Full PDB file with SEQRES, HELIX, SHEET, SSBOND, CRYST1, ORIGX, SCALE, CONECT and MASTER records, all heavy atoms in Angstrom:
SEQRES   1 A   30  ILE ALA LEU LEU VAL CYS LEU ALA PRO THR THR ILE GLY          
SEQRES   2 A   30  ALA LEU LEU SER SER ILE GLY ILE ALA GLY MET SER ARG          
SEQRES   3 A   30  LEU ASN LYS ALA                                              
HELIX    1 AA1 ALA A    2  LEU A    7  1                                   6    
HELIX    2 AA2 THR A   10  LYS A   29  1                                  20    
CRYST1    1.000    1.000    1.000  90.00  90.00  90.00 P 1           1          
ORIGX1      1.000000  0.000000  0.000000        0.00000                         
ORIGX2      0.000000  1.000000  0.000000        0.00000                         
ORIGX3      0.000000  0.000000  1.000000        0.00000                         
SCALE1      1.000000  0.000000  0.000000        0.00000                         
SCALE2      0.000000  1.000000  0.000000        0.00000                         
SCALE3      0.000000  0.000000  1.000000        0.00000                         
ATOM      1  N   ILE A   1       0.844  -1.204   0.000  1.00  0.00           N  
ATOM      2  CA  ILE A   1       0.000   0.000   0.000  1.00  0.00           C  
ATOM      3  C   ILE A   1       0.877   1.252   0.000  1.00  0.00           C  
ATOM      4  O   ILE A   1       0.642   2.207  -0.754  1.00  0.00           O  
ATOM      5  CB  ILE A   1      -0.945   0.000   1.222  1.00  0.00           C  
ATOM      6  CG1 ILE A   1      -1.983  -1.112   1.086  1.00  0.00           C  
ATOM      7  CG2 ILE A   1      -1.633   1.362   1.368  1.00  0.00           C  
ATOM      8  CD1 ILE A   1      -2.823  -1.322   2.337  1.00  0.00           C  
ATOM      9  N   ALA A   2       1.916   1.243   0.849  1.00  0.00           N  
ATOM     10  CA  ALA A   2       2.836   2.382   0.914  1.00  0.00           C  
ATOM     11  C   ALA A   2       3.554   2.572  -0.423  1.00  0.00           C  
ATOM     12  O   ALA A   2       3.739   3.702  -0.891  1.00  0.00           O  
ATOM     13  CB  ALA A   2       3.844   2.177   2.033  1.00  0.00           C  
ATOM     14  N   LEU A   3       3.945   1.441  -1.038  1.00  0.00           N  
ATOM     15  CA  LEU A   3       4.620   1.509  -2.330  1.00  0.00           C  
ATOM     16  C   LEU A   3       3.702   2.105  -3.396  1.00  0.00           C  
ATOM     17  O   LEU A   3       4.124   2.948  -4.199  1.00  0.00           O  
ATOM     18  CB  LEU A   3       5.068   0.102  -2.749  1.00  0.00           C  
ATOM     19  CG  LEU A   3       5.771  -0.019  -4.106  1.00  0.00           C  
ATOM     20  CD1 LEU A   3       7.080   0.752  -4.095  1.00  0.00           C  
ATOM     21  CD2 LEU A   3       6.007  -1.486  -4.455  1.00  0.00           C  
ATOM     22  N   LEU A   4       2.443   1.707  -3.400  1.00  0.00           N  
ATOM     23  CA  LEU A   4       1.470   2.235  -4.359  1.00  0.00           C  
ATOM     24  C   LEU A   4       1.326   3.752  -4.209  1.00  0.00           C  
ATOM     25  O   LEU A   4       1.329   4.482  -5.200  1.00  0.00           O  
ATOM     26  CB  LEU A   4       0.112   1.562  -4.151  1.00  0.00           C  
ATOM     27  CG  LEU A   4      -1.081   2.175  -4.902  1.00  0.00           C  
ATOM     28  CD1 LEU A   4      -0.869   2.083  -6.412  1.00  0.00           C  
ATOM     29  CD2 LEU A   4      -2.381   1.483  -4.494  1.00  0.00           C  
ATOM     30  N   VAL A   5       1.236   4.215  -2.969  1.00  0.00           N  
ATOM     31  CA  VAL A   5       1.095   5.657  -2.718  1.00  0.00           C  
ATOM     32  C   VAL A   5       2.329   6.408  -3.191  1.00  0.00           C  
ATOM     33  O   VAL A   5       2.236   7.515  -3.740  1.00  0.00           O  
ATOM     34  CB  VAL A   5       0.830   5.917  -1.220  1.00  0.00           C  
ATOM     35  CG1 VAL A   5       0.885   7.412  -0.901  1.00  0.00           C  
ATOM     36  CG2 VAL A   5      -0.519   5.339  -0.815  1.00  0.00           C  
ATOM     37  N   CYS A   6       3.497   5.807  -3.000  1.00  0.00           N  
ATOM     38  CA  CYS A   6       4.746   6.458  -3.430  1.00  0.00           C  
ATOM     39  C   CYS A   6       4.856   6.557  -4.943  1.00  0.00           C  
ATOM     40  O   CYS A   6       5.370   7.546  -5.478  1.00  0.00           O  
ATOM     41  CB  CYS A   6       5.949   5.691  -2.881  1.00  0.00           C  
ATOM     42  SG  CYS A   6       6.199   5.900  -1.119  1.00  0.00           S  
ATOM     43  N   LEU A   7       4.403   5.515  -5.636  1.00  0.00           N  
ATOM     44  CA  LEU A   7       4.585   5.473  -7.083  1.00  0.00           C  
ATOM     45  C   LEU A   7       3.457   6.153  -7.856  1.00  0.00           C  
ATOM     46  O   LEU A   7       3.649   6.583  -8.988  1.00  0.00           O  
ATOM     47  CB  LEU A   7       4.731   4.019  -7.547  1.00  0.00           C  
ATOM     48  CG  LEU A   7       5.923   3.255  -6.958  1.00  0.00           C  
ATOM     49  CD1 LEU A   7       6.012   1.868  -7.576  1.00  0.00           C  
ATOM     50  CD2 LEU A   7       7.218   4.018  -7.186  1.00  0.00           C  
ATOM     51  N   ALA A   8       2.279   6.248  -7.277  1.00  0.00           N  
ATOM     52  CA  ALA A   8       1.170   6.939  -7.947  1.00  0.00           C  
ATOM     53  C   ALA A   8       1.455   8.447  -7.959  1.00  0.00           C  
ATOM     54  O   ALA A   8       2.185   8.961  -7.110  1.00  0.00           O  
ATOM     55  CB  ALA A   8      -0.136   6.656  -7.211  1.00  0.00           C  
ATOM     56  N   PRO A   9       0.876   9.167  -8.923  1.00  0.00           N  
ATOM     57  CA  PRO A   9       1.141  10.618  -9.031  1.00  0.00           C  
ATOM     58  C   PRO A   9       0.379  11.414  -7.974  1.00  0.00           C  
ATOM     59  O   PRO A   9      -0.469  12.256  -8.275  1.00  0.00           O  
ATOM     60  CB  PRO A   9       0.666  10.941 -10.450  1.00  0.00           C  
ATOM     61  CG  PRO A   9      -0.395   9.936 -10.740  1.00  0.00           C  
ATOM     62  CD  PRO A   9       0.031   8.682 -10.038  1.00  0.00           C  
ATOM     63  N   THR A  10       0.680  11.123  -6.702  1.00  0.00           N  
ATOM     64  CA  THR A  10      -0.060  11.762  -5.611  1.00  0.00           C  
ATOM     65  C   THR A  10       0.306  13.239  -5.442  1.00  0.00           C  
ATOM     66  O   THR A  10      -0.516  14.026  -4.967  1.00  0.00           O  
ATOM     67  CB  THR A  10       0.199  11.023  -4.290  1.00  0.00           C  
ATOM     68  OG1 THR A  10       1.614  10.871  -4.109  1.00  0.00           O  
ATOM     69  CG2 THR A  10      -0.457   9.666  -4.298  1.00  0.00           C  
ATOM     70  N   THR A  11       1.517  13.628  -5.806  1.00  0.00           N  
ATOM     71  CA  THR A  11       1.936  15.028  -5.609  1.00  0.00           C  
ATOM     72  C   THR A  11       1.066  15.972  -6.409  1.00  0.00           C  
ATOM     73  O   THR A  11       0.454  16.901  -5.864  1.00  0.00           O  
ATOM     74  CB  THR A  11       3.419  15.208  -5.998  1.00  0.00           C  
ATOM     75  OG1 THR A  11       4.215  14.274  -5.285  1.00  0.00           O  
ATOM     76  CG2 THR A  11       3.882  16.623  -5.667  1.00  0.00           C  
ATOM     77  N   ILE A  12       0.980  15.748  -7.713  1.00  0.00           N  
ATOM     78  CA  ILE A  12       0.143  16.627  -8.545  1.00  0.00           C  
ATOM     79  C   ILE A  12      -1.332  16.350  -8.278  1.00  0.00           C  
ATOM     80  O   ILE A  12      -2.171  17.259  -8.346  1.00  0.00           O  
ATOM     81  CB  ILE A  12       0.481  16.454 -10.049  1.00  0.00           C  
ATOM     82  CG1 ILE A  12      -0.291  17.485 -10.890  1.00  0.00           C  
ATOM     83  CG2 ILE A  12       0.210  15.048 -10.526  1.00  0.00           C  
ATOM     84  CD1 ILE A  12       0.019  18.926 -10.570  1.00  0.00           C  
ATOM     85  N   GLY A  13      -1.662  15.105  -7.934  1.00  0.00           N  
ATOM     86  CA  GLY A  13      -3.050  14.786  -7.594  1.00  0.00           C  
ATOM     87  C   GLY A  13      -3.529  15.579  -6.388  1.00  0.00           C  
ATOM     88  O   GLY A  13      -4.675  16.021  -6.330  1.00  0.00           O  
ATOM     89  N   ALA A  14      -2.634  15.766  -5.409  1.00  0.00           N  
ATOM     90  CA  ALA A  14      -2.979  16.512  -4.204  1.00  0.00           C  
ATOM     91  C   ALA A  14      -3.093  18.004  -4.461  1.00  0.00           C  
ATOM     92  O   ALA A  14      -3.866  18.701  -3.802  1.00  0.00           O  
ATOM     93  CB  ALA A  14      -1.932  16.254  -3.124  1.00  0.00           C  
ATOM     94  N   LEU A  15      -2.329  18.514  -5.433  1.00  0.00           N  
ATOM     95  CA  LEU A  15      -2.245  19.966  -5.653  1.00  0.00           C  
ATOM     96  C   LEU A  15      -3.067  20.458  -6.838  1.00  0.00           C  
ATOM     97  O   LEU A  15      -3.214  21.674  -7.020  1.00  0.00           O  
ATOM     98  CB  LEU A  15      -0.781  20.367  -5.861  1.00  0.00           C  
ATOM     99  CG  LEU A  15       0.169  20.076  -4.696  1.00  0.00           C  
ATOM    100  CD1 LEU A  15       1.608  20.356  -5.107  1.00  0.00           C  
ATOM    101  CD2 LEU A  15      -0.198  20.899  -3.472  1.00  0.00           C  
ATOM    102  N   LEU A  16      -3.591  19.553  -7.642  1.00  0.00           N  
ATOM    103  CA  LEU A  16      -4.263  19.937  -8.886  1.00  0.00           C  
ATOM    104  C   LEU A  16      -5.417  20.909  -8.643  1.00  0.00           C  
ATOM    105  O   LEU A  16      -5.546  21.933  -9.312  1.00  0.00           O  
ATOM    106  CB  LEU A  16      -4.768  18.684  -9.611  1.00  0.00           C  
ATOM    107  CG  LEU A  16      -5.388  18.910 -10.993  1.00  0.00           C  
ATOM    108  CD1 LEU A  16      -4.376  19.537 -11.938  1.00  0.00           C  
ATOM    109  CD2 LEU A  16      -5.894  17.589 -11.568  1.00  0.00           C  
ATOM    110  N   SER A  17      -6.259  20.595  -7.685  1.00  0.00           N  
ATOM    111  CA  SER A  17      -7.417  21.444  -7.410  1.00  0.00           C  
ATOM    112  C   SER A  17      -6.994  22.815  -6.900  1.00  0.00           C  
ATOM    113  O   SER A  17      -7.536  23.846  -7.308  1.00  0.00           O  
ATOM    114  CB  SER A  17      -8.341  20.768  -6.403  1.00  0.00           C  
ATOM    115  OG  SER A  17      -9.484  21.555  -6.163  1.00  0.00           O  
ATOM    116  N   SER A  18      -6.003  22.842  -6.006  1.00  0.00           N  
ATOM    117  CA  SER A  18      -5.562  24.117  -5.426  1.00  0.00           C  
ATOM    118  C   SER A  18      -4.948  25.026  -6.483  1.00  0.00           C  
ATOM    119  O   SER A  18      -5.068  26.252  -6.403  1.00  0.00           O  
ATOM    120  CB  SER A  18      -4.563  23.877  -4.295  1.00  0.00           C  
ATOM    121  OG  SER A  18      -3.367  23.313  -4.779  1.00  0.00           O  
ATOM    122  N   ILE A  19      -4.294  24.437  -7.483  1.00  0.00           N  
ATOM    123  CA  ILE A  19      -3.699  25.244  -8.560  1.00  0.00           C  
ATOM    124  C   ILE A  19      -4.784  25.996  -9.305  1.00  0.00           C  
ATOM    125  O   ILE A  19      -4.666  27.195  -9.589  1.00  0.00           O  
ATOM    126  CB  ILE A  19      -2.892  24.350  -9.527  1.00  0.00           C  
ATOM    127  CG1 ILE A  19      -1.667  23.772  -8.831  1.00  0.00           C  
ATOM    128  CG2 ILE A  19      -2.460  25.146 -10.765  1.00  0.00           C  
ATOM    129  CD1 ILE A  19      -0.964  22.688  -9.620  1.00  0.00           C  
ATOM    130  N   GLY A  20      -5.879  25.286  -9.660  1.00  0.00           N  
ATOM    131  CA  GLY A  20      -6.982  25.922 -10.382  1.00  0.00           C  
ATOM    132  C   GLY A  20      -7.676  26.985  -9.561  1.00  0.00           C  
ATOM    133  O   GLY A  20      -7.974  28.079 -10.049  1.00  0.00           O  
ATOM    134  N   ILE A  21      -7.925  26.692  -8.277  1.00  0.00           N  
ATOM    135  CA  ILE A  21      -8.601  27.654  -7.405  1.00  0.00           C  
ATOM    136  C   ILE A  21      -7.727  28.885  -7.208  1.00  0.00           C  
ATOM    137  O   ILE A  21      -8.207  30.019  -7.230  1.00  0.00           O  
ATOM    138  CB  ILE A  21      -8.939  27.010  -6.042  1.00  0.00           C  
ATOM    139  CG1 ILE A  21      -9.946  25.876  -6.236  1.00  0.00           C  
ATOM    140  CG2 ILE A  21      -9.504  28.038  -5.072  1.00  0.00           C  
ATOM    141  CD1 ILE A  21     -10.170  25.032  -4.996  1.00  0.00           C  
ATOM    142  N   ALA A  22      -6.417  28.667  -7.004  1.00  0.00           N  
ATOM    143  CA  ALA A  22      -5.498  29.789  -6.796  1.00  0.00           C  
ATOM    144  C   ALA A  22      -5.400  30.665  -8.043  1.00  0.00           C  
ATOM    145  O   ALA A  22      -5.273  31.886  -7.937  1.00  0.00           O  
ATOM    146  CB  ALA A  22      -4.117  29.267  -6.413  1.00  0.00           C  
ATOM    147  N   GLY A  23      -5.452  30.043  -9.234  1.00  0.00           N  
ATOM    148  CA  GLY A  23      -5.420  30.817 -10.473  1.00  0.00           C  
ATOM    149  C   GLY A  23      -6.613  31.743 -10.567  1.00  0.00           C  
ATOM    150  O   GLY A  23      -6.493  32.917 -10.936  1.00  0.00           O  
ATOM    151  N   MET A  24      -7.793  31.231 -10.206  1.00  0.00           N  
ATOM    152  CA  MET A  24      -8.998  32.061 -10.213  1.00  0.00           C  
ATOM    153  C   MET A  24      -8.905  33.153  -9.148  1.00  0.00           C  
ATOM    154  O   MET A  24      -9.354  34.280  -9.340  1.00  0.00           O  
ATOM    155  CB  MET A  24     -10.230  31.192  -9.994  1.00  0.00           C  
ATOM    156  CG  MET A  24     -11.544  31.916 -10.170  1.00  0.00           C  
ATOM    157  SD  MET A  24     -12.955  30.782 -10.258  1.00  0.00           S  
ATOM    158  CE  MET A  24     -12.770  30.144 -11.922  1.00  0.00           C  
ATOM    159  N   SER A  25      -8.287  32.814  -8.016  1.00  0.00           N  
ATOM    160  CA  SER A  25      -8.120  33.791  -6.940  1.00  0.00           C  
ATOM    161  C   SER A  25      -7.207  34.928  -7.382  1.00  0.00           C  
ATOM    162  O   SER A  25      -7.461  36.091  -7.066  1.00  0.00           O  
ATOM    163  CB  SER A  25      -7.546  33.104  -5.695  1.00  0.00           C  
ATOM    164  OG  SER A  25      -7.347  34.033  -4.656  1.00  0.00           O  
ATOM    165  N   ARG A  26      -6.129  34.603  -8.110  1.00  0.00           N  
ATOM    166  CA  ARG A  26      -5.224  35.655  -8.613  1.00  0.00           C  
ATOM    167  C   ARG A  26      -5.959  36.575  -9.563  1.00  0.00           C  
ATOM    168  O   ARG A  26      -5.729  37.790  -9.581  1.00  0.00           O  
ATOM    169  CB  ARG A  26      -4.011  35.022  -9.307  1.00  0.00           C  
ATOM    170  CG  ARG A  26      -2.973  34.477  -8.364  1.00  0.00           C  
ATOM    171  CD  ARG A  26      -1.658  34.195  -9.067  1.00  0.00           C  
ATOM    172  NE  ARG A  26      -1.764  33.118 -10.029  1.00  0.00           N  
ATOM    173  CZ  ARG A  26      -1.645  31.823  -9.729  1.00  0.00           C  
ATOM    174  NH1 ARG A  26      -1.426  31.460  -8.478  1.00  0.00           N  
ATOM    175  NH2 ARG A  26      -1.740  30.899 -10.660  1.00  0.00           N  
ATOM    176  N   LEU A  27      -6.850  36.010 -10.356  1.00  0.00           N  
ATOM    177  CA  LEU A  27      -7.637  36.827 -11.270  1.00  0.00           C  
ATOM    178  C   LEU A  27      -8.590  37.729 -10.485  1.00  0.00           C  
ATOM    179  O   LEU A  27      -8.771  38.906 -10.817  1.00  0.00           O  
ATOM    180  CB  LEU A  27      -8.426  35.920 -12.224  1.00  0.00           C  
ATOM    181  CG  LEU A  27      -8.889  36.554 -13.538  1.00  0.00           C  
ATOM    182  CD1 LEU A  27      -7.702  36.951 -14.396  1.00  0.00           C  
ATOM    183  CD2 LEU A  27      -9.779  35.592 -14.307  1.00  0.00           C  
ATOM    184  N   ASN A  28      -9.187  37.187  -9.430  1.00  0.00           N  
ATOM    185  CA  ASN A  28     -10.081  37.991  -8.595  1.00  0.00           C  
ATOM    186  C   ASN A  28      -9.336  39.144  -7.931  1.00  0.00           C  
ATOM    187  O   ASN A  28      -9.863  40.239  -7.795  1.00  0.00           O  
ATOM    188  CB  ASN A  28     -10.732  37.114  -7.515  1.00  0.00           C  
ATOM    189  CG  ASN A  28     -11.721  36.128  -8.100  1.00  0.00           C  
ATOM    190  OD1 ASN A  28     -12.293  36.369  -9.158  1.00  0.00           O  
ATOM    191  ND2 ASN A  28     -11.919  35.009  -7.431  1.00  0.00           N  
ATOM    192  N   LYS A  29      -8.084  38.879  -7.512  1.00  0.00           N  
ATOM    193  CA  LYS A  29      -7.282  39.943  -6.901  1.00  0.00           C  
ATOM    194  C   LYS A  29      -6.976  41.051  -7.896  1.00  0.00           C  
ATOM    195  O   LYS A  29      -6.775  42.203  -7.511  1.00  0.00           O  
ATOM    196  CB  LYS A  29      -5.974  39.357  -6.354  1.00  0.00           C  
ATOM    197  CG  LYS A  29      -6.147  38.592  -5.052  1.00  0.00           C  
ATOM    198  CD  LYS A  29      -4.818  38.116  -4.527  1.00  0.00           C  
ATOM    199  CE  LYS A  29      -4.990  37.375  -3.204  1.00  0.00           C  
ATOM    200  NZ  LYS A  29      -3.695  36.868  -2.675  1.00  0.00           N  
ATOM    201  N   ALA A  30      -6.926  40.692  -9.161  1.00  0.00           N  
ATOM    202  CA  ALA A  30      -6.723  41.699 -10.208  1.00  0.00           C  
ATOM    203  C   ALA A  30      -8.030  42.394 -10.565  1.00  0.00           C  
ATOM    204  O   ALA A  30      -8.094  43.175 -11.507  1.00  0.00           O  
ATOM    205  CB  ALA A  30      -6.120  41.040 -11.454  1.00  0.00           C  
TER     206      ALA A  30                                                      
MASTER        0    0    0    2    0    0    0    6  205    1    0    3          
END                                                                             
């Protein structure tokens, strides 16, 4: 299980949503 978590693309999977929300937030700040 630990090996699966290490090898799966969890880094971008964890951050994907925040990237999109933050992009919209930067636009709102402008």
